[in-house]
PDB file of N, CA and C in Angstrom:
ATOM      1  N   UNK A   1     -95.160   4.581   9.830  1.00  0.00           N
ATOM      2  CA  UNK A   1     -94.141   3.452   9.911  1.00  0.00           C
ATOM      3  C   UNK A   1     -92.817   4.003  10.012  1.00  0.00           C
ATOM      4  N   UNK A   2     -91.994   3.626  10.787  1.00  0.00           N
ATOM      5  CA  UNK A   2     -90.687   4.080  11.040  1.00  0.00           C
ATOM      6  C   UNK A   2     -89.677   3.437  10.154  1.00  0.00           C
ATOM      7  N   UNK A   3     -88.668   4.274   9.627  1.00  0.00           N
ATOM      8  CA  UNK A   3     -87.668   3.755   8.714  1.00  0.00           C
ATOM      9  C   UNK A   3     -86.293   4.269   9.282  1.00  0.00           C
ATOM     10  N   UNK A   4     -85.341   3.363   9.052  1.00  0.00           N
ATOM     11  CA  UNK A   4     -83.952   3.694   9.455  1.00  0.00           C
ATOM     12  C   UNK A   4     -83.030   3.283   8.410  1.00  0.00           C
ATOM     13  N   UNK A   5     -81.831   3.816   8.604  1.00  0.00           N
ATOM     14  CA  UNK A   5     -80.631   3.351   7.818  1.00  0.00           C
ATOM     15  C   UNK A   5     -79.665   2.711   8.947  1.00  0.00           C
ATOM     16  N   UNK A   6     -79.047   1.597   8.660  1.00  0.00           N
ATOM     17  CA  UNK A   6     -78.209   0.953   9.553  1.00  0.00           C
ATOM     18  C   UNK A   6     -76.799   0.669   8.809  1.00  0.00           C
ATOM     19  N   UNK A   7     -75.679   1.028   9.648  1.00  0.00           N
ATOM     20  CA  UNK A   7     -74.465   0.557   8.989  1.00  0.00           C
ATOM     21  C   UNK A   7     -73.883  -0.457  10.024  1.00  0.00           C
ATOM     22  N   UNK A   8     -73.442  -1.583   9.492  1.00  0.00           N
ATOM     23  CA  UNK A   8     -72.964  -2.811  10.322  1.00  0.00           C
ATOM     24  C   UNK A   8     -71.593  -2.735  10.102  1.00  0.00           C
ATOM     25  N   UNK A   9     -70.788  -2.787  11.311  1.00  0.00           N
ATOM     26  CA  UNK A   9     -69.255  -2.895  11.313  1.00  0.00           C
ATOM     27  C   UNK A   9     -68.789  -4.258  11.826  1.00  0.00           C
ATOM     28  N   UNK A  10     -67.763  -4.643  11.466  1.00  0.00           N
ATOM     29  CA  UNK A  10     -67.114  -5.930  11.881  1.00  0.00           C
ATOM     30  C   UNK A  10     -66.858  -6.838  10.615  1.00  0.00           C
ATOM     31  N   UNK A  11     -66.679  -8.125  11.019  1.00  0.00           N
ATOM     32  CA  UNK A  11     -66.648  -9.213   9.953  1.00  0.00           C
ATOM     33  C   UNK A  11     -67.974  -9.549   9.358  1.00  0.00           C
ATOM     34  N   UNK A  12     -68.460  -8.563   8.365  1.00  0.00           N
ATOM     35  CA  UNK A  12     -69.727  -8.769   7.965  1.00  0.00           C
ATOM     36  C   UNK A  12     -69.935  -9.039   6.426  1.00  0.00           C
ATOM     37  N   UNK A  13     -68.803  -9.143   5.763  1.00  0.00           N
ATOM     38  CA  UNK A  13     -68.767  -9.317   4.276  1.00  0.00           C
ATOM     39  C   UNK A  13     -68.184 -10.702   4.110  1.00  0.00           C
ATOM     40  N   UNK A  14     -68.682 -11.599   3.147  1.00  0.00           N
ATOM     41  CA  UNK A  14     -68.209 -12.812   2.911  1.00  0.00           C
ATOM     42  C   UNK A  14     -68.763 -13.887   3.767  1.00  0.00           C
ATOM     43  N   UNK A  15     -69.629 -13.482   4.703  1.00  0.00           N
ATOM     44  CA  UNK A  15     -70.185 -14.529   5.685  1.00  0.00           C
ATOM     45  C   UNK A  15     -71.712 -14.668   5.790  1.00  0.00           C
ATOM     46  N   UNK A  16     -72.233 -14.426   4.595  1.00  0.00           N
ATOM     47  CA  UNK A  16     -73.668 -14.611   4.133  1.00  0.00           C
ATOM     48  C   UNK A  16     -74.567 -13.637   4.928  1.00  0.00           C
ATOM     49  N   UNK A  17     -73.937 -12.466   5.436  1.00  0.00           N
ATOM     50  CA  UNK A  17     -74.738 -11.409   6.186  1.00  0.00           C
ATOM     51  C   UNK A  17     -75.935 -11.001   5.288  1.00  0.00           C
ATOM     52  N   UNK A  18     -75.680 -10.651   4.067  1.00  0.00           N
ATOM     53  CA  UNK A  18     -76.695 -10.009   3.201  1.00  0.00           C
ATOM     54  C   UNK A  18     -77.867 -11.081   3.001  1.00  0.00           C
ATOM     55  N   UNK A  19     -77.508 -12.243   2.745  1.00  0.00           N
ATOM     56  CA  UNK A  19     -78.533 -13.292   2.502  1.00  0.00           C
ATOM     57  C   UNK A  19     -79.400 -13.498   3.880  1.00  0.00           C
ATOM     58  N   UNK A  20     -78.714 -13.736   4.924  1.00  0.00           N
ATOM     59  CA  UNK A  20     -79.335 -13.951   6.123  1.00  0.00           C
ATOM     60  C   UNK A  20     -80.262 -12.699   6.527  1.00  0.00           C
ATOM     61  N   UNK A  21     -79.718 -11.524   6.260  1.00  0.00           N
ATOM     62  CA  UNK A  21     -80.498 -10.321   6.579  1.00  0.00           C
ATOM     63  C   UNK A  21     -81.753 -10.221   5.567  1.00  0.00           C
ATOM     64  N   UNK A  22     -81.772 -10.510   4.437  1.00  0.00           N
ATOM     65  CA  UNK A  22     -82.878 -10.650   3.545  1.00  0.00           C
ATOM     66  C   UNK A  22     -83.875 -11.588   4.145  1.00  0.00           C
ATOM     67  N   UNK A  23     -83.349 -12.865   4.517  1.00  0.00           N
ATOM     68  CA  UNK A  23     -84.219 -13.873   5.031  1.00  0.00           C
ATOM     69  C   UNK A  23     -85.018 -13.288   6.267  1.00  0.00           C
ATOM     70  N   UNK A  24     -84.265 -12.651   7.294  1.00  0.00           N
ATOM     71  CA  UNK A  24     -84.908 -12.189   8.509  1.00  0.00           C
ATOM     72  C   UNK A  24     -85.864 -11.047   8.247  1.00  0.00           C
ATOM     73  N   UNK A  25     -85.585 -10.135   7.278  1.00  0.00           N
ATOM     74  CA  UNK A  25     -86.446  -9.023   6.943  1.00  0.00           C
ATOM     75  C   UNK A  25     -87.607  -9.630   6.246  1.00  0.00           C
ATOM     76  N   UNK A  26     -87.630 -10.469   5.427  1.00  0.00           N
ATOM     77  CA  UNK A  26     -88.778 -11.053   4.722  1.00  0.00           C
ATOM     78  C   UNK A  26     -89.751 -11.789   5.739  1.00  0.00           C
ATOM     79  N   UNK A  27     -88.998 -12.548   6.785  1.00  0.00           N
ATOM     80  CA  UNK A  27     -89.828 -13.268   7.795  1.00  0.00           C
ATOM     81  C   UNK A  27     -90.471 -12.197   8.805  1.00  0.00           C
ATOM     82  N   UNK A  28     -89.981 -11.071   8.985  1.00  0.00           N
ATOM     83  CA  UNK A  28     -90.606 -10.008   9.747  1.00  0.00           C
ATOM     84  C   UNK A  28     -91.343  -8.943   9.044  1.00  0.00           C
ATOM     85  N   UNK A  29     -91.334  -9.191   7.675  1.00  0.00           N
ATOM     86  CA  UNK A  29     -92.395  -8.104   6.938  1.00  0.00           C
ATOM     87  C   UNK A  29     -91.570  -6.851   6.818  1.00  0.00           C
ATOM     88  N   UNK A  30     -90.389  -6.648   6.742  1.00  0.00           N
ATOM     89  CA  UNK A  30     -89.608  -5.476   6.686  1.00  0.00           C
ATOM     90  C   UNK A  30     -89.239  -5.132   5.217  1.00  0.00           C
ATOM     91  N   UNK A  31     -89.401  -3.945   4.946  1.00  0.00           N
ATOM     92  CA  UNK A  31     -89.140  -3.512   3.517  1.00  0.00           C
ATOM     93  C   UNK A  31     -87.808  -2.730   3.396  1.00  0.00           C
ATOM     94  N   UNK A  32     -87.116  -2.794   2.221  1.00  0.00           N
ATOM     95  CA  UNK A  32     -85.917  -2.038   2.150  1.00  0.00           C
ATOM     96  C   UNK A  32     -84.858  -2.911   1.349  1.00  0.00           C
ATOM     97  N   UNK A  33     -83.618  -2.605   1.647  1.00  0.00           N
ATOM     98  CA  UNK A  33     -82.486  -3.368   0.895  1.00  0.00           C
ATOM     99  C   UNK A  33     -81.350  -3.497   1.828  1.00  0.00           C
ATOM    100  N   UNK A  34     -80.316  -4.281   1.373  1.00  0.00           N
ATOM    101  CA  UNK A  34     -79.022  -4.524   2.149  1.00  0.00           C
ATOM    102  C   UNK A  34     -77.986  -4.494   0.987  1.00  0.00           C
ATOM    103  N   UNK A  35     -76.896  -4.030   1.293  1.00  0.00           N
ATOM    104  CA  UNK A  35     -75.739  -3.980   0.364  1.00  0.00           C
ATOM    105  C   UNK A  35     -74.371  -3.824   1.056  1.00  0.00           C
ATOM    106  N   UNK A  36     -73.291  -4.400   0.290  1.00  0.00           N
ATOM    107  CA  UNK A  36     -71.979  -4.363   0.908  1.00  0.00           C
ATOM    108  C   UNK A  36     -71.472  -3.060   0.400  1.00  0.00           C
ATOM    109  N   UNK A  37     -70.628  -2.354   1.300  1.00  0.00           N
ATOM    110  CA  UNK A  37     -69.973  -1.169   0.964  1.00  0.00           C
ATOM    111  C   UNK A  37     -68.539  -1.353   0.758  1.00  0.00           C
ATOM    112  N   UNK A  38     -67.813  -0.579  -0.072  1.00  0.00           N
ATOM    113  CA  UNK A  38     -66.334  -0.802  -0.296  1.00  0.00           C
ATOM    114  C   UNK A  38     -65.681  -0.612   1.013  1.00  0.00           C
ATOM    115  N   UNK A  39     -66.073   0.015   1.954  1.00  0.00           N
ATOM    116  CA  UNK A  39     -65.247   0.125   3.153  1.00  0.00           C
ATOM    117  C   UNK A  39     -65.338  -1.206   4.087  1.00  0.00           C
ATOM    118  N   UNK A  40     -66.058  -2.213   3.594  1.00  0.00           N
ATOM    119  CA  UNK A  40     -66.039  -3.464   4.429  1.00  0.00           C
ATOM    120  C   UNK A  40     -67.254  -3.563   5.378  1.00  0.00           C
ATOM    121  N   UNK A  41     -68.212  -2.385   5.374  1.00  0.00           N
ATOM    122  CA  UNK A  41     -69.384  -2.483   6.179  1.00  0.00           C
ATOM    123  C   UNK A  41     -70.470  -2.962   5.258  1.00  0.00           C
ATOM    124  N   UNK A  42     -71.668  -3.230   5.962  1.00  0.00           N
ATOM    125  CA  UNK A  42     -72.858  -3.558   5.324  1.00  0.00           C
ATOM    126  C   UNK A  42     -73.912  -2.406   5.601  1.00  0.00           C
ATOM    127  N   UNK A  43     -74.548  -1.965   4.455  1.00  0.00           N
ATOM    128  CA  UNK A  43     -75.514  -0.813   4.664  1.00  0.00           C
ATOM    129  C   UNK A  43     -76.876  -1.409   4.430  1.00  0.00           C
ATOM    130  N   UNK A  44     -77.856  -0.854   5.274  1.00  0.00           N
ATOM    131  CA  UNK A  44     -79.156  -1.418   5.301  1.00  0.00           C
ATOM    132  C   UNK A  44     -80.105  -0.261   5.383  1.00  0.00           C
ATOM    133  N   UNK A  45     -81.242  -0.312   4.447  1.00  0.00           N
ATOM    134  CA  UNK A  45     -82.217   0.652   4.785  1.00  0.00           C
ATOM    135  C   UNK A  45     -83.566  -0.178   4.989  1.00  0.00           C
ATOM    136  N   UNK A  46     -84.269   0.052   6.045  1.00  0.00           N
ATOM    137  CA  UNK A  46     -85.222  -0.806   6.465  1.00  0.00           C
ATOM    138  C   UNK A  46     -86.497  -0.135   7.070  1.00  0.00           C
ATOM    139  N   UNK A  47     -87.556  -0.644   6.756  1.00  0.00           N
ATOM    140  CA  UNK A  47     -88.904  -0.035   7.249  1.00  0.00           C
ATOM    141  C   UNK A  47     -89.835  -1.027   7.671  1.00  0.00           C
ATOM    142  N   UNK A  48     -90.605  -0.921   8.701  1.00  0.00           N
ATOM    143  CA  UNK A  48     -91.701  -1.968   8.953  1.00  0.00           C
ATOM    144  C   UNK A  48     -92.088  -1.902  10.484  1.00  0.00           C
ATOM    145  N   UNK A  49     -93.058  -2.555  10.761  1.00  0.00           N
ATOM    146  CA  UNK A  49     -93.759  -2.777  12.056  1.00  0.00           C
ATOM    147  C   UNK A  49     -92.767  -3.361  13.072  1.00  0.00           C
ATOM    148  N   UNK A  50     -92.022  -4.551  12.644  1.00  0.00           N
ATOM    149  CA  UNK A  50     -91.208  -5.180  13.545  1.00  0.00           C
ATOM    150  C   UNK A  50     -89.696  -4.742  13.450  1.00  0.00           C
ATOM    151  N   UNK A  51     -89.569  -3.391  13.415  1.00  0.00           N
ATOM    152  CA  UNK A  51     -88.115  -2.941  13.037  1.00  0.00           C
ATOM    153  C   UNK A  51     -87.257  -3.129  14.098  1.00  0.00           C
ATOM    154  N   UNK A  52     -87.782  -2.986  15.395  1.00  0.00           N
ATOM    155  CA  UNK A  52     -86.735  -3.107  16.631  1.00  0.00           C
ATOM    156  C   UNK A  52     -86.299  -4.487  16.648  1.00  0.00           C
ATOM    157  N   UNK A  53     -87.165  -5.594  16.384  1.00  0.00           N
ATOM    158  CA  UNK A  53     -86.774  -6.982  16.334  1.00  0.00           C
ATOM    159  C   UNK A  53     -85.666  -7.194  15.251  1.00  0.00           C
ATOM    160  N   UNK A  54     -85.946  -6.490  14.137  1.00  0.00           N
ATOM    161  CA  UNK A  54     -85.043  -6.611  12.919  1.00  0.00           C
ATOM    162  C   UNK A  54     -83.648  -5.954  13.348  1.00  0.00           C
ATOM    163  N   UNK A  55     -83.697  -4.900  13.974  1.00  0.00           N
ATOM    164  CA  UNK A  55     -82.420  -4.199  14.487  1.00  0.00           C
ATOM    165  C   UNK A  55     -81.665  -5.071  15.515  1.00  0.00           C
ATOM    166  N   UNK A  56     -82.486  -5.595  16.310  1.00  0.00           N
ATOM    167  CA  UNK A  56     -81.855  -6.587  17.324  1.00  0.00           C
ATOM    168  C   UNK A  56     -81.124  -7.748  16.579  1.00  0.00           C
ATOM    169  N   UNK A  57     -81.740  -8.164  15.587  1.00  0.00           N
ATOM    170  CA  UNK A  57     -80.974  -9.140  14.691  1.00  0.00           C
ATOM    171  C   UNK A  57     -79.643  -8.676  14.099  1.00  0.00           C
ATOM    172  N   UNK A  58     -79.864  -7.437  13.557  1.00  0.00           N
ATOM    173  CA  UNK A  58     -78.676  -6.905  12.852  1.00  0.00           C
ATOM    174  C   UNK A  58     -77.365  -6.608  13.726  1.00  0.00           C
ATOM    175  N   UNK A  59     -77.694  -6.674  14.973  1.00  0.00           N
ATOM    176  CA  UNK A  59     -76.584  -6.318  16.123  1.00  0.00           C
ATOM    177  C   UNK A  59     -75.790  -7.637  16.247  1.00  0.00           C
ATOM    178  N   UNK A  60     -76.390  -8.760  15.892  1.00  0.00           N
ATOM    179  CA  UNK A  60     -75.832 -10.177  15.969  1.00  0.00           C
ATOM    180  C   UNK A  60     -75.480 -10.714  14.581  1.00  0.00           C
ATOM    181  N   UNK A  61     -76.383 -10.749  13.702  1.00  0.00           N
ATOM    182  CA  UNK A  61     -76.143 -11.334  12.429  1.00  0.00           C
ATOM    183  C   UNK A  61     -76.020 -12.666  12.339  1.00  0.00           C
ATOM    184  N   UNK A  62     -75.749 -13.363  11.231  1.00  0.00           N
ATOM    185  CA  UNK A  62     -75.588 -14.762  11.112  1.00  0.00           C
ATOM    186  C   UNK A  62     -74.467 -15.363  11.985  1.00  0.00           C
ATOM    187  N   UNK A  63     -74.469 -16.613  12.226  1.00  0.00           N
ATOM    188  CA  UNK A  63     -73.417 -17.205  13.165  1.00  0.00           C
ATOM    189  C   UNK A  63     -71.965 -17.080  12.696  1.00  0.00           C
ATOM    190  N   UNK A  64     -71.879 -17.054  11.331  1.00  0.00           N
ATOM    191  CA  UNK A  64     -70.506 -16.793  10.576  1.00  0.00           C
ATOM    192  C   UNK A  64     -70.043 -15.334  10.796  1.00  0.00           C
ATOM    193  N   UNK A  65     -70.830 -14.412  11.146  1.00  0.00           N
ATOM    194  CA  UNK A  65     -70.424 -13.057  11.194  1.00  0.00           C
ATOM    195  C   UNK A  65     -69.939 -12.688  12.491  1.00  0.00           C
ATOM    196  N   UNK A  66     -69.143 -11.552  12.550  1.00  0.00           N
ATOM    197  CA  UNK A  66     -68.804 -10.872  13.840  1.00  0.00           C
ATOM    198  C   UNK A  66     -69.177  -9.373  13.702  1.00  0.00           C
ATOM    199  N   UNK A  67     -70.233  -9.041  14.373  1.00  0.00           N
ATOM    200  CA  UNK A  67     -70.676  -7.649  14.459  1.00  0.00           C
ATOM    201  C   UNK A  67     -70.057  -6.971  15.621  1.00  0.00           C
ATOM    202  N   UNK A  68     -69.131  -5.968  15.284  1.00  0.00           N
ATOM    203  CA  UNK A  68     -68.457  -5.141  16.350  1.00  0.00           C
ATOM    204  C   UNK A  68     -69.387  -4.016  16.800  1.00  0.00           C
ATOM    205  N   UNK A  69     -70.254  -3.387  15.959  1.00  0.00           N
ATOM    206  CA  UNK A  69     -71.186  -2.401  16.290  1.00  0.00           C
ATOM    207  C   UNK A  69     -72.005  -1.938  15.013  1.00  0.00           C
ATOM    208  N   UNK A  70     -73.080  -1.300  15.273  1.00  0.00           N
ATOM    209  CA  UNK A  70     -73.975  -0.839  14.384  1.00  0.00           C
ATOM    210  C   UNK A  70     -74.253   0.696  14.578  1.00  0.00           C
ATOM    211  N   UNK A  71     -74.366   1.481  13.542  1.00  0.00           N
ATOM    212  CA  UNK A  71     -74.783   2.748  13.687  1.00  0.00           C
ATOM    213  C   UNK A  71     -76.216   2.838  13.025  1.00  0.00           C
ATOM    214  N   UNK A  72     -77.276   3.473  13.806  1.00  0.00           N
ATOM    215  CA  UNK A  72     -78.606   3.651  13.205  1.00  0.00           C
ATOM    216  C   UNK A  72     -78.944   5.105  13.161  1.00  0.00           C
ATOM    217  N   UNK A  73     -79.664   5.427  12.000  1.00  0.00           N
ATOM    218  CA  UNK A  73     -80.032   6.952  11.863  1.00  0.00           C
ATOM    219  C   UNK A  73     -81.423   6.715  11.261  1.00  0.00           C
ATOM    220  N   UNK A  74     -82.443   7.810  11.709  1.00  0.00           N
ATOM    221  CA  UNK A  74     -83.606   7.804  11.063  1.00  0.00           C
ATOM    222  C   UNK A  74     -83.583   8.136   9.625  1.00  0.00           C
ATOM    223  N   UNK A  75     -84.627   7.655   8.901  1.00  0.00           N
ATOM    224  CA  UNK A  75     -84.712   7.823   7.324  1.00  0.00           C
ATOM    225  C   UNK A  75     -86.078   8.253   7.094  1.00  0.00           C
ATOM    226  N   UNK A  76     -86.186   9.057   5.901  1.00  0.00           N
ATOM    227  CA  UNK A  76     -87.616   9.321   5.460  1.00  0.00           C
ATOM    228  C   UNK A  76     -88.186   7.973   5.055  1.00  0.00           C
ATOM    229  N   UNK A  77     -89.473   8.019   5.040  1.00  0.00           N
ATOM    230  CA  UNK A  77     -90.125   6.649   4.624  1.00  0.00           C
ATOM    231  C   UNK A  77     -89.674   5.976   3.308  1.00  0.00           C
ATOM    232  N   UNK A  78     -89.510   4.648   3.414  1.00  0.00           N
ATOM    233  CA  UNK A  78     -88.975   3.841   2.376  1.00  0.00           C
ATOM    234  C   UNK A  78     -90.358   3.528   1.536  1.00  0.00           C
ATOM    235  N   UNK A  79     -90.345   3.779   0.127  1.00  0.00           N
ATOM    236  CA  UNK A  79     -91.495   3.456  -0.655  1.00  0.00           C
ATOM    237  C   UNK A  79     -91.147   2.212  -1.435  1.00  0.00           C
ATOM    238  N   UNK A  80     -90.958   1.205  -0.758  1.00  0.00           N
ATOM    239  CA  UNK A  80     -90.654  -0.130  -1.318  1.00  0.00           C
ATOM    240  C   UNK A  80     -91.520  -1.275  -0.509  1.00  0.00           C
ATOM    241  N   UNK A  81     -91.943  -2.129  -1.371  1.00  0.00           N
ATOM    242  CA  UNK A  81     -92.877  -3.191  -0.820  1.00  0.00           C
ATOM    243  C   UNK A  81     -92.178  -4.517  -0.841  1.00  0.00           C
ATOM    244  N   UNK A  82     -90.914  -4.639  -0.607  1.00  0.00           N
ATOM    245  CA  UNK A  82     -90.138  -5.852  -0.571  1.00  0.00           C
ATOM    246  C   UNK A  82     -88.876  -5.493   0.038  1.00  0.00           C
ATOM    247  N   UNK A  83     -88.046  -6.624   0.262  1.00  0.00           N
ATOM    248  CA  UNK A  83     -86.693  -6.422   0.752  1.00  0.00           C
ATOM    249  C   UNK A  83     -85.763  -7.142  -0.211  1.00  0.00           C
ATOM    250  N   UNK A  84     -84.752  -6.540  -0.650  1.00  0.00           N
ATOM    251  CA  UNK A  84     -83.785  -7.021  -1.752  1.00  0.00           C
ATOM    252  C   UNK A  84     -82.421  -6.778  -1.295  1.00  0.00           C
ATOM    253  N   UNK A  85     -81.447  -7.507  -1.925  1.00  0.00           N
ATOM    254  CA  UNK A  85     -80.167  -7.511  -1.822  1.00  0.00           C
ATOM    255  C   UNK A  85     -79.712  -6.625  -3.024  1.00  0.00           C
ATOM    256  N   UNK A  86     -78.993  -5.570  -2.802  1.00  0.00           N
ATOM    257  CA  UNK A  86     -78.333  -4.640  -3.905  1.00  0.00           C
ATOM    258  C   UNK A  86     -76.940  -4.854  -4.055  1.00  0.00           C
ATOM    259  N   UNK A  87     -76.280  -4.783  -5.142  1.00  0.00           N
ATOM    260  CA  UNK A  87     -74.882  -4.966  -5.566  1.00  0.00           C
ATOM    261  C   UNK A  87     -74.234  -3.707  -5.626  1.00  0.00           C
TER     262      UNK A  87
END
């Protein structure tokens, strides 16, 4: 199973990005986590069979967000069996 880390740039904090991200991940069966970073970005680690569909969603986000761009890097396998919001 493929795993990636994603950094999301734009107006992505204070717009329910993390909650929407968790809902999308759970619906797609994606494992991992999402959290806000001090630099104003959102950081995600994700793993699952529908990863491409999840990444497509991350490039758009919820309607209240404005995603300027995302950076994706490969990641060693995530050993989690859920998706959560971290603080």
